[in-house]
Amino acid sequence: IDIDPRFSAEQARAAFSGCESLEIEVRQSSWGDCPVEPALA
């Protein structure tokens, strides 16, 4: 969440819609407060 993702919401939809399970591990390597909502959106 501390860097801009290199995929779009449409790419995520095409990749993972209809799968059996999806596990997302959220990480942040920099210090400070990074909002998680934009990445999960």
PDB file of all heavy atoms in Angstrom:
ATOM      1  N   ILE A   1       0.810  -1.215   0.000  1.00  0.00           N
ATOM      2  CA  ILE A   1       0.000   0.000   0.000  1.00  0.00           C
ATOM      3  C   ILE A   1       0.844   1.266   0.000  1.00  0.00           C
ATOM      4  O   ILE A   1       0.309   2.365  -0.099  1.00  0.00           O
ATOM      5  CB  ILE A   1      -0.983   0.026   1.193  1.00  0.00           C
ATOM      6  CG1 ILE A   1      -0.234  -0.032   2.517  1.00  0.00           C
ATOM      7  CG2 ILE A   1      -1.981  -1.094   1.062  1.00  0.00           C
ATOM      8  CD1 ILE A   1      -1.126   0.189   3.725  1.00  0.00           C
ATOM      9  N   ASP A   2       2.170   1.150   0.092  1.00  0.00           N
ATOM     10  CA  ASP A   2       3.023   2.328   0.105  1.00  0.00           C
ATOM     11  C   ASP A   2       3.532   2.706  -1.290  1.00  0.00           C
ATOM     12  O   ASP A   2       4.274   3.658  -1.443  1.00  0.00           O
ATOM     13  CB  ASP A   2       4.187   2.139   1.067  1.00  0.00           C
ATOM     14  CG  ASP A   2       5.009   0.902   0.757  1.00  0.00           C
ATOM     15  OD1 ASP A   2       4.504   0.026   0.024  1.00  0.00           O
ATOM     16  OD2 ASP A   2       6.142   0.805   1.238  1.00  0.00           O
ATOM     17  N   ILE A   3       3.130   1.943  -2.299  1.00  0.00           N
ATOM     18  CA  ILE A   3       3.467   2.272  -3.684  1.00  0.00           C
ATOM     19  C   ILE A   3       2.193   2.161  -4.526  1.00  0.00           C
ATOM     20  O   ILE A   3       1.241   1.495  -4.140  1.00  0.00           O
ATOM     21  CB  ILE A   3       4.565   1.343  -4.264  1.00  0.00           C
ATOM     22  CG1 ILE A   3       4.112  -0.107  -4.227  1.00  0.00           C
ATOM     23  CG2 ILE A   3       5.877   1.527  -3.523  1.00  0.00           C
ATOM     24  CD1 ILE A   3       5.050  -1.059  -4.925  1.00  0.00           C
ATOM     25  N   ASP A   4       2.215   2.815  -5.657  1.00  0.00           N
ATOM     26  CA  ASP A   4       1.046   2.738  -6.540  1.00  0.00           C
ATOM     27  C   ASP A   4       0.965   1.350  -7.153  1.00  0.00           C
ATOM     28  O   ASP A   4       1.959   0.839  -7.682  1.00  0.00           O
ATOM     29  CB  ASP A   4       1.142   3.781  -7.650  1.00  0.00           C
ATOM     30  CG  ASP A   4       0.968   5.190  -7.127  1.00  0.00           C
ATOM     31  OD1 ASP A   4       0.286   5.344  -6.099  1.00  0.00           O
ATOM     32  OD2 ASP A   4       1.500   6.123  -7.747  1.00  0.00           O
ATOM     33  N   PRO A   5      -0.205   0.725  -7.106  1.00  0.00           N
ATOM     34  CA  PRO A   5      -0.339  -0.596  -7.732  1.00  0.00           C
ATOM     35  C   PRO A   5      -0.182  -0.479  -9.244  1.00  0.00           C
ATOM     36  O   PRO A   5      -0.476   0.549  -9.838  1.00  0.00           O
ATOM     37  CB  PRO A   5      -1.752  -1.039  -7.351  1.00  0.00           C
ATOM     38  CG  PRO A   5      -2.419   0.134  -6.761  1.00  0.00           C
ATOM     39  CD  PRO A   5      -1.403   1.177  -6.472  1.00  0.00           C
ATOM     40  N   ARG A   6       0.282  -1.545  -9.834  1.00  0.00           N
ATOM     41  CA  ARG A   6       0.515  -1.546 -11.281  1.00  0.00           C
ATOM     42  C   ARG A   6      -0.574  -2.309 -12.017  1.00  0.00           C
ATOM     43  O   ARG A   6      -0.319  -2.943 -13.031  1.00  0.00           O
ATOM     44  CB  ARG A   6       1.890  -2.134 -11.563  1.00  0.00           C
ATOM     45  CG  ARG A   6       2.985  -1.257 -11.000  1.00  0.00           C
ATOM     46  CD  ARG A   6       4.333  -1.624 -11.561  1.00  0.00           C
ATOM     47  NE  ARG A   6       5.311  -0.635 -11.174  1.00  0.00           N
ATOM     48  CZ  ARG A   6       6.171  -0.794 -10.193  1.00  0.00           C
ATOM     49  NH1 ARG A   6       6.162  -1.901  -9.496  1.00  0.00           N
ATOM     50  NH2 ARG A   6       7.041   0.148  -9.919  1.00  0.00           N
ATOM     51  N   PHE A   7      -1.783  -2.266 -11.473  1.00  0.00           N
ATOM     52  CA  PHE A   7      -2.926  -2.876 -12.145  1.00  0.00           C
ATOM     53  C   PHE A   7      -4.160  -2.049 -11.832  1.00  0.00           C
ATOM     54  O   PHE A   7      -4.191  -1.289 -10.871  1.00  0.00           O
ATOM     55  CB  PHE A   7      -3.108  -4.342 -11.735  1.00  0.00           C
ATOM     56  CG  PHE A   7      -3.317  -4.566 -10.265  1.00  0.00           C
ATOM     57  CD1 PHE A   7      -4.588  -4.552  -9.720  1.00  0.00           C
ATOM     58  CD2 PHE A   7      -2.242  -4.804  -9.422  1.00  0.00           C
ATOM     59  CE1 PHE A   7      -4.785  -4.759  -8.370  1.00  0.00           C
ATOM     60  CE2 PHE A   7      -2.426  -5.012  -8.070  1.00  0.00           C
ATOM     61  CZ  PHE A   7      -3.708  -4.985  -7.533  1.00  0.00           C
ATOM     62  N   SER A   8      -5.143  -2.195 -12.675  1.00  0.00           N
ATOM     63  CA  SER A   8      -6.376  -1.423 -12.514  1.00  0.00           C
ATOM     64  C   SER A   8      -7.469  -2.282 -11.889  1.00  0.00           C
ATOM     65  O   SER A   8      -7.336  -3.509 -11.773  1.00  0.00           O
ATOM     66  CB  SER A   8      -6.856  -0.919 -13.876  1.00  0.00           C
ATOM     67  OG  SER A   8      -7.270  -2.019 -14.669  1.00  0.00           O
ATOM     68  N   ALA A   9      -8.562  -1.639 -11.509  1.00  0.00           N
ATOM     69  CA  ALA A   9      -9.706  -2.367 -10.965  1.00  0.00           C
ATOM     70  C   ALA A   9     -10.269  -3.327 -12.006  1.00  0.00           C
ATOM     71  O   ALA A   9     -10.683  -4.444 -11.682  1.00  0.00           O
ATOM     72  CB  ALA A   9     -10.784  -1.383 -10.504  1.00  0.00           C
ATOM     73  N   GLU A  10     -10.269  -2.928 -13.264  1.00  0.00           N
ATOM     74  CA  GLU A  10     -10.774  -3.794 -14.327  1.00  0.00           C
ATOM     75  C   GLU A  10      -9.872  -5.022 -14.508  1.00  0.00           C
ATOM     76  O   GLU A  10     -10.348  -6.130 -14.717  1.00  0.00           O
ATOM     77  CB  GLU A  10     -10.885  -3.018 -15.639  1.00  0.00           C
ATOM     78  CG  GLU A  10     -11.453  -3.810 -16.779  1.00  0.00           C
ATOM     79  CD  GLU A  10     -12.832  -4.404 -16.504  1.00  0.00           C
ATOM     80  OE1 GLU A  10     -13.644  -3.785 -15.798  1.00  0.00           O
ATOM     81  OE2 GLU A  10     -13.089  -5.526 -16.993  1.00  0.00           O
ATOM     82  N   GLN A  11      -8.568  -4.849 -14.398  1.00  0.00           N
ATOM     83  CA  GLN A  11      -7.648  -5.989 -14.485  1.00  0.00           C
ATOM     84  C   GLN A  11      -7.846  -6.936 -13.302  1.00  0.00           C
ATOM     85  O   GLN A  11      -7.797  -8.149 -13.471  1.00  0.00           O
ATOM     86  CB  GLN A  11      -6.200  -5.499 -14.561  1.00  0.00           C
ATOM     87  CG  GLN A  11      -5.861  -4.831 -15.875  1.00  0.00           C
ATOM     88  CD  GLN A  11      -4.507  -4.151 -15.820  1.00  0.00           C
ATOM     89  OE1 GLN A  11      -4.190  -3.427 -14.866  1.00  0.00           O
ATOM     90  NE2 GLN A  11      -3.706  -4.355 -16.856  1.00  0.00           N
ATOM     91  N   ALA A  12      -8.067  -6.395 -12.114  1.00  0.00           N
ATOM     92  CA  ALA A  12      -8.328  -7.239 -10.940  1.00  0.00           C
ATOM     93  C   ALA A  12      -9.631  -8.010 -11.134  1.00  0.00           C
ATOM     94  O   ALA A  12      -9.720  -9.192 -10.811  1.00  0.00           O
ATOM     95  CB  ALA A  12      -8.377  -6.394  -9.673  1.00  0.00           C
ATOM     96  N   ARG A  13     -10.666  -7.350 -11.654  1.00  0.00           N
ATOM     97  CA  ARG A  13     -11.938  -8.019 -11.915  1.00  0.00           C
ATOM     98  C   ARG A  13     -11.755  -9.182 -12.894  1.00  0.00           C
ATOM     99  O   ARG A  13     -12.210 -10.290 -12.645  1.00  0.00           O
ATOM    100  CB  ARG A  13     -12.971  -7.037 -12.492  1.00  0.00           C
ATOM    101  CG  ARG A  13     -14.351  -7.680 -12.711  1.00  0.00           C
ATOM    102  CD  ARG A  13     -15.169  -6.970 -13.762  1.00  0.00           C
ATOM    103  NE  ARG A  13     -14.545  -6.900 -15.063  1.00  0.00           N
ATOM    104  CZ  ARG A  13     -14.479  -7.911 -15.945  1.00  0.00           C
ATOM    105  NH1 ARG A  13     -14.969  -9.083 -15.652  1.00  0.00           N
ATOM    106  NH2 ARG A  13     -13.899  -7.731 -17.106  1.00  0.00           N
ATOM    107  N   ALA A  14     -11.058  -8.924 -13.989  1.00  0.00           N
ATOM    108  CA  ALA A  14     -10.841  -9.973 -14.991  1.00  0.00           C
ATOM    109  C   ALA A  14     -10.012 -11.123 -14.442  1.00  0.00           C
ATOM    110  O   ALA A  14     -10.229 -12.282 -14.778  1.00  0.00           O
ATOM    111  CB  ALA A  14     -10.173  -9.374 -16.228  1.00  0.00           C
ATOM    112  N   ALA A  15      -9.057 -10.833 -13.572  1.00  0.00           N
ATOM    113  CA  ALA A  15      -8.153 -11.859 -13.056  1.00  0.00           C
ATOM    114  C   ALA A  15      -8.801 -12.743 -11.997  1.00  0.00           C
ATOM    115  O   ALA A  15      -8.605 -13.960 -11.995  1.00  0.00           O
ATOM    116  CB  ALA A  15      -6.896 -11.207 -12.482  1.00  0.00           C
ATOM    117  N   PHE A  16      -9.577 -12.160 -11.081  1.00  0.00           N
ATOM    118  CA  PHE A  16      -9.998 -12.908  -9.905  1.00  0.00           C
ATOM    119  C   PHE A  16     -11.487 -13.200  -9.793  1.00  0.00           C
ATOM    120  O   PHE A  16     -11.893 -13.972  -8.931  1.00  0.00           O
ATOM    121  CB  PHE A  16      -9.534 -12.184  -8.640  1.00  0.00           C
ATOM    122  CG  PHE A  16      -8.040 -12.016  -8.561  1.00  0.00           C
ATOM    123  CD1 PHE A  16      -7.461 -10.759  -8.536  1.00  0.00           C
ATOM    124  CD2 PHE A  16      -7.211 -13.121  -8.529  1.00  0.00           C
ATOM    125  CE1 PHE A  16      -6.095 -10.605  -8.474  1.00  0.00           C
ATOM    126  CE2 PHE A  16      -5.842 -12.982  -8.466  1.00  0.00           C
ATOM    127  CZ  PHE A  16      -5.278 -11.716  -8.435  1.00  0.00           C
ATOM    128  N   SER A  17     -12.327 -12.609 -10.622  1.00  0.00           N
ATOM    129  CA  SER A  17     -13.768 -12.885 -10.529  1.00  0.00           C
ATOM    130  C   SER A  17     -14.038 -14.362 -10.775  1.00  0.00           C
ATOM    131  O   SER A  17     -13.497 -14.957 -11.704  1.00  0.00           O
ATOM    132  CB  SER A  17     -14.541 -12.036 -11.528  1.00  0.00           C
ATOM    133  OG  SER A  17     -14.621 -10.707 -11.095  1.00  0.00           O
ATOM    134  N   GLY A  18     -14.858 -14.925  -9.912  1.00  0.00           N
ATOM    135  CA  GLY A  18     -15.249 -16.325 -10.050  1.00  0.00           C
ATOM    136  C   GLY A  18     -14.268 -17.330  -9.480  1.00  0.00           C
ATOM    137  O   GLY A  18     -14.515 -18.532  -9.546  1.00  0.00           O
ATOM    138  N   CYS A  19     -13.160 -16.880  -8.881  1.00  0.00           N
ATOM    139  CA  CYS A  19     -12.218 -17.850  -8.318  1.00  0.00           C
ATOM    140  C   CYS A  19     -12.778 -18.420  -7.015  1.00  0.00           C
ATOM    141  O   CYS A  19     -13.708 -17.884  -6.424  1.00  0.00           O
ATOM    142  CB  CYS A  19     -10.840 -17.233  -8.120  1.00  0.00           C
ATOM    143  SG  CYS A  19     -10.696 -16.013  -6.827  1.00  0.00           S
ATOM    144  N   GLU A  20     -12.205 -19.505  -6.580  1.00  0.00           N
ATOM    145  CA  GLU A  20     -12.671 -20.162  -5.358  1.00  0.00           C
ATOM    146  C   GLU A  20     -12.251 -19.402  -4.110  1.00  0.00           C
ATOM    147  O   GLU A  20     -13.027 -19.236  -3.185  1.00  0.00           O
ATOM    148  CB  GLU A  20     -12.131 -21.589  -5.317  1.00  0.00           C
ATOM    149  CG  GLU A  20     -12.636 -22.395  -4.152  1.00  0.00           C
ATOM    150  CD  GLU A  20     -12.109 -23.818  -4.187  1.00  0.00           C
ATOM    151  OE1 GLU A  20     -12.066 -24.415  -5.279  1.00  0.00           O
ATOM    152  OE2 GLU A  20     -11.731 -24.309  -3.120  1.00  0.00           O
ATOM    153  N   SER A  21     -10.986 -18.953  -4.067  1.00  0.00           N
ATOM    154  CA  SER A  21     -10.531 -18.199  -2.907  1.00  0.00           C
ATOM    155  C   SER A  21      -9.497 -17.166  -3.330  1.00  0.00           C
ATOM    156  O   SER A  21      -8.747 -17.374  -4.287  1.00  0.00           O
ATOM    157  CB  SER A  21      -9.964 -19.112  -1.820  1.00  0.00           C
ATOM    158  OG  SER A  21      -8.733 -19.670  -2.225  1.00  0.00           O
ATOM    159  N   LEU A  22      -9.483 -16.067  -2.608  1.00  0.00           N
ATOM    160  CA  LEU A  22      -8.537 -14.984  -2.838  1.00  0.00           C
ATOM    161  C   LEU A  22      -8.047 -14.508  -1.484  1.00  0.00           C
ATOM    162  O   LEU A  22      -8.824 -14.065  -0.644  1.00  0.00           O
ATOM    163  CB  LEU A  22      -9.201 -13.836  -3.605  1.00  0.00           C
ATOM    164  CG  LEU A  22      -8.357 -12.583  -3.838  1.00  0.00           C
ATOM    165  CD1 LEU A  22      -7.085 -12.904  -4.614  1.00  0.00           C
ATOM    166  CD2 LEU A  22      -9.195 -11.523  -4.555  1.00  0.00           C
ATOM    167  N   GLU A  23      -6.745 -14.626  -1.263  1.00  0.00           N
ATOM    168  CA  GLU A  23      -6.119 -14.178  -0.025  1.00  0.00           C
ATOM    169  C   GLU A  23      -5.237 -12.986  -0.361  1.00  0.00           C
ATOM    170  O   GLU A  23      -4.342 -13.093  -1.201  1.00  0.00           O
ATOM    171  CB  GLU A  23      -5.275 -15.307   0.569  1.00  0.00           C
ATOM    172  CG  GLU A  23      -4.590 -14.955   1.845  1.00  0.00           C
ATOM    173  CD  GLU A  23      -3.739 -16.101   2.376  1.00  0.00           C
ATOM    174  OE1 GLU A  23      -4.039 -17.261   2.053  1.00  0.00           O
ATOM    175  OE2 GLU A  23      -2.778 -15.822   3.107  1.00  0.00           O
ATOM    176  N   ILE A  24      -5.511 -11.851   0.253  1.00  0.00           N
ATOM    177  CA  ILE A  24      -4.744 -10.633   0.000  1.00  0.00           C
ATOM    178  C   ILE A  24      -3.975 -10.297   1.268  1.00  0.00           C
ATOM    179  O   ILE A  24      -4.567 -10.088   2.328  1.00  0.00           O
ATOM    180  CB  ILE A  24      -5.659  -9.462  -0.394  1.00  0.00           C
ATOM    181  CG1 ILE A  24      -6.475  -9.822  -1.639  1.00  0.00           C
ATOM    182  CG2 ILE A  24      -4.840  -8.197  -0.628  1.00  0.00           C
ATOM    183  CD1 ILE A  24      -7.553  -8.827  -1.974  1.00  0.00           C
ATOM    184  N   GLU A  25      -2.662 -10.260   1.149  1.00  0.00           N
ATOM    185  CA  GLU A  25      -1.818  -9.864   2.278  1.00  0.00           C
ATOM    186  C   GLU A  25      -1.352  -8.444   2.019  1.00  0.00           C
ATOM    187  O   GLU A  25      -0.646  -8.178   1.044  1.00  0.00           O
ATOM    188  CB  GLU A  25      -0.621 -10.792   2.424  1.00  0.00           C
ATOM    189  CG  GLU A  25       0.199 -10.469   3.641  1.00  0.00           C
ATOM    190  CD  GLU A  25       1.284 -11.490   3.908  1.00  0.00           C
ATOM    191  OE1 GLU A  25       1.140 -12.640   3.487  1.00  0.00           O
ATOM    192  OE2 GLU A  25       2.268 -11.108   4.553  1.00  0.00           O
ATOM    193  N   VAL A  26      -1.791  -7.524   2.872  1.00  0.00           N
ATOM    194  CA  VAL A  26      -1.473  -6.111   2.719  1.00  0.00           C
ATOM    195  C   VAL A  26      -0.176  -5.825   3.459  1.00  0.00           C
ATOM    196  O   VAL A  26      -0.034  -6.180   4.630  1.00  0.00           O
ATOM    197  CB  VAL A  26      -2.625  -5.237   3.267  1.00  0.00           C
ATOM    198  CG1 VAL A  26      -2.298  -3.768   3.110  1.00  0.00           C
ATOM    199  CG2 VAL A  26      -3.928  -5.585   2.566  1.00  0.00           C
ATOM    200  N   ARG A  27       0.765  -5.172   2.754  1.00  0.00           N
ATOM    201  CA  ARG A  27       2.062  -4.857   3.360  1.00  0.00           C
ATOM    202  C   ARG A  27       2.427  -3.411   3.098  1.00  0.00           C
ATOM    203  O   ARG A  27       1.981  -2.813   2.130  1.00  0.00           O
ATOM    204  CB  ARG A  27       3.166  -5.753   2.783  1.00  0.00           C
ATOM    205  CG  ARG A  27       3.045  -7.170   3.236  1.00  0.00           C
ATOM    206  CD  ARG A  27       4.301  -7.902   2.983  1.00  0.00           C
ATOM    207  NE  ARG A  27       4.175  -9.262   3.473  1.00  0.00           N
ATOM    208  CZ  ARG A  27       5.068 -10.173   3.259  1.00  0.00           C
ATOM    209  NH1 ARG A  27       6.142  -9.917   2.556  1.00  0.00           N
ATOM    210  NH2 ARG A  27       4.894 -11.378   3.742  1.00  0.00           N
ATOM    211  N   GLN A  28       3.300  -2.913   3.959  1.00  0.00           N
ATOM    212  CA  GLN A  28       3.806  -1.551   3.833  1.00  0.00           C
ATOM    213  C   GLN A  28       5.249  -1.582   4.285  1.00  0.00           C
ATOM    214  O   GLN A  28       5.543  -1.991   5.400  1.00  0.00           O
ATOM    215  CB  GLN A  28       2.954  -0.635   4.708  1.00  0.00           C
ATOM    216  CG  GLN A  28       3.522   0.712   4.965  1.00  0.00           C
ATOM    217  CD  GLN A  28       2.669   1.496   5.940  1.00  0.00           C
ATOM    218  OE1 GLN A  28       1.498   1.228   6.110  1.00  0.00           O
ATOM    219  NE2 GLN A  28       3.268   2.468   6.597  1.00  0.00           N
ATOM    220  N   SER A  29       6.168  -1.169   3.422  1.00  0.00           N
ATOM    221  CA  SER A  29       7.574  -1.233   3.819  1.00  0.00           C
ATOM    222  C   SER A  29       8.086   0.096   4.358  1.00  0.00           C
ATOM    223  O   SER A  29       9.113   0.147   4.988  1.00  0.00           O
ATOM    224  CB  SER A  29       8.438  -1.685   2.640  1.00  0.00           C
ATOM    225  OG  SER A  29       8.370  -0.740   1.603  1.00  0.00           O
ATOM    226  N   SER A  30       7.386   1.176   4.094  1.00  0.00           N
ATOM    227  CA  SER A  30       7.856   2.471   4.593  1.00  0.00           C
ATOM    228  C   SER A  30       7.209   2.792   5.938  1.00  0.00           C
ATOM    229  O   SER A  30       6.154   2.270   6.276  1.00  0.00           O
ATOM    230  CB  SER A  30       7.517   3.573   3.585  1.00  0.00           C
ATOM    231  OG  SER A  30       6.123   3.731   3.477  1.00  0.00           O
ATOM    232  N   TRP A  31       7.858   3.673   6.668  1.00  0.00           N
ATOM    233  CA  TRP A  31       7.301   4.122   7.933  1.00  0.00           C
ATOM    234  C   TRP A  31       6.240   5.164   7.657  1.00  0.00           C
ATOM    235  O   TRP A  31       6.241   5.840   6.662  1.00  0.00           O
ATOM    236  CB  TRP A  31       8.402   4.720   8.816  1.00  0.00           C
ATOM    237  CG  TRP A  31       9.404   3.719   9.227  1.00  0.00           C
ATOM    238  CD1 TRP A  31      10.608   3.491   8.655  1.00  0.00           C
ATOM    239  CD2 TRP A  31       9.270   2.774  10.277  1.00  0.00           C
ATOM    240  NE1 TRP A  31      11.248   2.464   9.279  1.00  0.00           N
ATOM    241  CE2 TRP A  31      10.443   1.998  10.294  1.00  0.00           C
ATOM    242  CE3 TRP A  31       8.288   2.490  11.214  1.00  0.00           C
ATOM    243  CZ2 TRP A  31      10.662   0.979  11.201  1.00  0.00           C
ATOM    244  CZ3 TRP A  31       8.513   1.483  12.116  1.00  0.00           C
ATOM    245  CH2 TRP A  31       9.687   0.750  12.108  1.00  0.00           C
ATOM    246  N   GLY A  32       5.317   5.280   8.546  1.00  0.00           N
ATOM    247  CA  GLY A  32       4.276   6.278   8.381  1.00  0.00           C
ATOM    248  C   GLY A  32       2.938   5.623   8.162  1.00  0.00           C
ATOM    249  O   GLY A  32       2.799   4.405   8.173  1.00  0.00           O
ATOM    250  N   ASP A  33       1.977   6.470   7.945  1.00  0.00           N
ATOM    251  CA  ASP A  33       0.609   5.987   7.807  1.00  0.00           C
ATOM    252  C   ASP A  33       0.204   6.004   6.343  1.00  0.00           C
ATOM    253  O   ASP A  33       0.203   7.055   5.705  1.00  0.00           O
ATOM    254  CB  ASP A  33      -0.312   6.883   8.642  1.00  0.00           C
ATOM    255  CG  ASP A  33      -1.711   6.317   8.740  1.00  0.00           C
ATOM    256  OD1 ASP A  33      -1.860   5.097   8.572  1.00  0.00           O
ATOM    257  OD2 ASP A  33      -2.636   7.094   8.995  1.00  0.00           O
ATOM    258  N   CYS A  34      -0.091   4.846   5.795  1.00  0.00           N
ATOM    259  CA  CYS A  34      -0.577   4.733   4.426  1.00  0.00           C
ATOM    260  C   CYS A  34      -2.001   4.205   4.483  1.00  0.00           C
ATOM    261  O   CYS A  34      -2.249   3.179   5.112  1.00  0.00           O
ATOM    262  CB  CYS A  34       0.274   3.761   3.614  1.00  0.00           C
ATOM    263  SG  CYS A  34       1.948   4.315   3.331  1.00  0.00           S
ATOM    264  N   PRO A  35      -2.934   4.873   3.831  1.00  0.00           N
ATOM    265  CA  PRO A  35      -4.314   4.367   3.849  1.00  0.00           C
ATOM    266  C   PRO A  35      -4.440   3.094   3.010  1.00  0.00           C
ATOM    267  O   PRO A  35      -3.866   2.980   1.938  1.00  0.00           O
ATOM    268  CB  PRO A  35      -5.123   5.516   3.247  1.00  0.00           C
ATOM    269  CG  PRO A  35      -4.143   6.278   2.420  1.00  0.00           C
ATOM    270  CD  PRO A  35      -2.811   6.102   3.081  1.00  0.00           C
ATOM    271  N   VAL A  36      -5.151   2.119   3.512  1.00  0.00           N
ATOM    272  CA  VAL A  36      -5.318   0.848   2.828  1.00  0.00           C
ATOM    273  C   VAL A  36      -6.519   0.866   1.883  1.00  0.00           C
ATOM    274  O   VAL A  36      -6.578   0.095   0.936  1.00  0.00           O
ATOM    275  CB  VAL A  36      -5.408  -0.306   3.852  1.00  0.00           C
ATOM    276  CG1 VAL A  36      -6.714  -0.256   4.603  1.00  0.00           C
ATOM    277  CG2 VAL A  36      -5.233  -1.646   3.190  1.00  0.00           C
ATOM    278  N   GLU A  37      -7.462   1.767   2.128  1.00  0.00           N
ATOM    279  CA  GLU A  37      -8.701   1.776   1.346  1.00  0.00           C
ATOM    280  C   GLU A  37      -8.490   1.938  -0.152  1.00  0.00           C
ATOM    281  O   GLU A  37      -9.118   1.221  -0.939  1.00  0.00           O
ATOM    282  CB  GLU A  37      -9.669   2.851   1.877  1.00  0.00           C
ATOM    283  CG  GLU A  37     -10.231   2.547   3.240  1.00  0.00           C
ATOM    284  CD  GLU A  37      -9.286   2.941   4.375  1.00  0.00           C
ATOM    285  OE1 GLU A  37      -8.278   3.645   4.134  1.00  0.00           O
ATOM    286  OE2 GLU A  37      -9.543   2.514   5.509  1.00  0.00           O
ATOM    287  N   PRO A  38      -7.624   2.865  -0.632  1.00  0.00           N
ATOM    288  CA  PRO A  38      -7.462   2.990  -2.088  1.00  0.00           C
ATOM    289  C   PRO A  38      -6.945   1.709  -2.744  1.00  0.00           C
ATOM    290  O   PRO A  38      -7.377   1.352  -3.837  1.00  0.00           O
ATOM    291  CB  PRO A  38      -6.460   4.131  -2.244  1.00  0.00           C
ATOM    292  CG  PRO A  38      -6.565   4.918  -0.983  1.00  0.00           C
ATOM    293  CD  PRO A  38      -6.897   3.907   0.079  1.00  0.00           C
ATOM    294  N   ALA A  39      -6.047   1.022  -2.081  1.00  0.00           N
ATOM    295  CA  ALA A  39      -5.510  -0.217  -2.653  1.00  0.00           C
ATOM    296  C   ALA A  39      -6.575  -1.311  -2.692  1.00  0.00           C
ATOM    297  O   ALA A  39      -6.728  -2.013  -3.688  1.00  0.00           O
ATOM    298  CB  ALA A  39      -4.297  -0.687  -1.859  1.00  0.00           C
ATOM    299  N   LEU A  40      -7.324  -1.457  -1.618  1.00  0.00           N
ATOM    300  CA  LEU A  40      -8.366  -2.484  -1.586  1.00  0.00           C
ATOM    301  C   LEU A  40      -9.540  -2.133  -2.485  1.00  0.00           C
ATOM    302  O   LEU A  40     -10.256  -3.026  -2.946  1.00  0.00           O
ATOM    303  CB  LEU A  40      -8.834  -2.723  -0.149  1.00  0.00           C
ATOM    304  CG  LEU A  40      -7.819  -3.398   0.758  1.00  0.00           C
ATOM    305  CD1 LEU A  40      -8.391  -3.566   2.161  1.00  0.00           C
ATOM    306  CD2 LEU A  40      -7.389  -4.737   0.203  1.00  0.00           C
ATOM    307  N   ALA A  41      -9.738  -0.846  -2.775  1.00  0.00           N
ATOM    308  CA  ALA A  41     -10.819  -0.437  -3.672  1.00  0.00           C
ATOM    309  C   ALA A  41     -10.625  -1.008  -5.075  1.00  0.00           C
ATOM    310  O   ALA A  41     -11.594  -1.155  -5.819  1.00  0.00           O
ATOM    311  CB  ALA A  41     -10.911   1.082  -3.723  1.00  0.00           C
TER     312      ALA A  41
END
